[in-house]
Protein backbone atom coordinates (compact mmCIF):
# COMPACT_ATOMS: atom_id res chain seq x y z
CA MET A 1 81.22 15.10 78.16
CA PHE A 2 81.27 18.21 80.36
CA GLY A 3 77.63 17.63 81.33
CA ALA A 4 78.30 14.06 82.45
CA ARG A 5 81.35 15.12 84.46
CA ARG A 6 79.36 17.85 86.16
CA LEU A 7 76.62 15.38 87.04
CA VAL A 8 79.14 13.02 88.62
CA LEU A 9 80.67 15.83 90.66
CA LEU A 10 77.24 16.92 91.87
CA ALA A 11 76.35 13.35 92.80
CA ALA A 12 79.63 12.92 94.68
CA ALA A 13 78.96 16.08 96.67
CA THR A 14 75.48 14.95 97.71
CA ILE A 15 74.95 12.95 100.89
CA ILE A 16 72.01 10.58 100.58
CA ALA A 17 70.38 9.15 103.70
CA ILE A 18 68.08 6.19 103.23
CA THR A 19 65.41 5.77 105.88
CA THR A 20 63.05 2.82 106.02
CA ALA A 21 59.58 2.73 107.55
CA ILE A 22 60.99 0.64 110.40
CA ASP A 23 63.42 3.44 111.27
CA VAL A 24 60.62 6.00 111.76
CA LYS A 25 58.03 3.87 113.56
CA ASN A 26 57.17 5.31 116.98
CA LYS A 27 59.76 8.08 116.65
CA ARG A 28 58.87 11.71 117.21
CA TYR A 29 59.93 14.30 114.67
CA CYS A 30 58.50 17.52 113.29
CA GLN A 31 57.86 18.45 109.70
CA VAL A 32 57.09 21.75 108.00
CA LEU A 33 55.78 21.98 104.45
CA PHE A 34 56.03 25.17 102.41
CA VAL A 35 53.43 24.77 99.65
CA ARG A 36 53.28 27.10 96.67
CA ASN A 37 52.01 27.33 93.12
CA LEU A 38 54.71 27.09 90.48
CA ASN A 39 53.62 27.51 86.86
CA GLY A 40 50.19 26.02 87.57
CA SER A 41 51.53 23.09 89.61
CA THR A 42 51.46 22.69 93.37
CA VAL A 43 54.98 22.32 94.76
CA ALA A 44 55.99 21.60 98.36
CA ASP A 45 59.34 21.99 100.06
CA VAL A 46 59.52 19.66 103.05
CA TYR A 47 61.76 20.22 106.06
CA ASN A 48 61.86 17.86 109.04
CA THR A 49 63.87 17.10 112.14
CA PHE A 50 64.21 13.36 111.61
CA GLY A 51 67.76 12.35 112.40
CA LEU A 52 68.43 15.74 113.98
CA ASN A 53 66.37 15.67 117.17
CA ASP A 54 63.02 14.52 118.55
CA CYS A 55 61.36 17.88 117.96
CA PRO A 56 61.29 19.33 121.48
CA ALA A 57 57.79 20.59 122.26
CA PRO A 58 58.97 23.97 123.67
CA ILE A 59 60.71 24.77 120.38
CA TRP A 60 57.98 23.35 118.12
CA SER A 61 55.27 25.34 119.93
CA THR A 62 57.01 28.62 119.07
CA ILE A 63 56.76 28.04 115.31
CA THR A 64 53.92 29.99 113.70
CA PRO A 65 52.97 30.47 110.04
CA ALA A 66 54.20 34.06 110.26
CA ASN A 67 57.66 33.36 111.67
CA ALA A 68 58.13 30.24 109.52
CA LYS A 69 57.47 32.39 106.46
CA ASP A 70 59.93 35.02 107.67
CA ASN A 71 62.68 32.40 108.04
CA SER A 72 62.10 30.47 104.82
């Protein structure tokens, strides 16, 4: 019972945004993938700016592999 209650509480605390393909068509956003090996499997963490901003070019152009790694 405790496990089910905990699951419900976690679900209630999570905000889920549903985005359709129509919502993203012709919209600018940036996306960064951090790819790593985890126990023999390839795993990627994906971060993007969709819904936050249109990924301003002056900010995007300052992101490098080195500073993205430092801030992960």
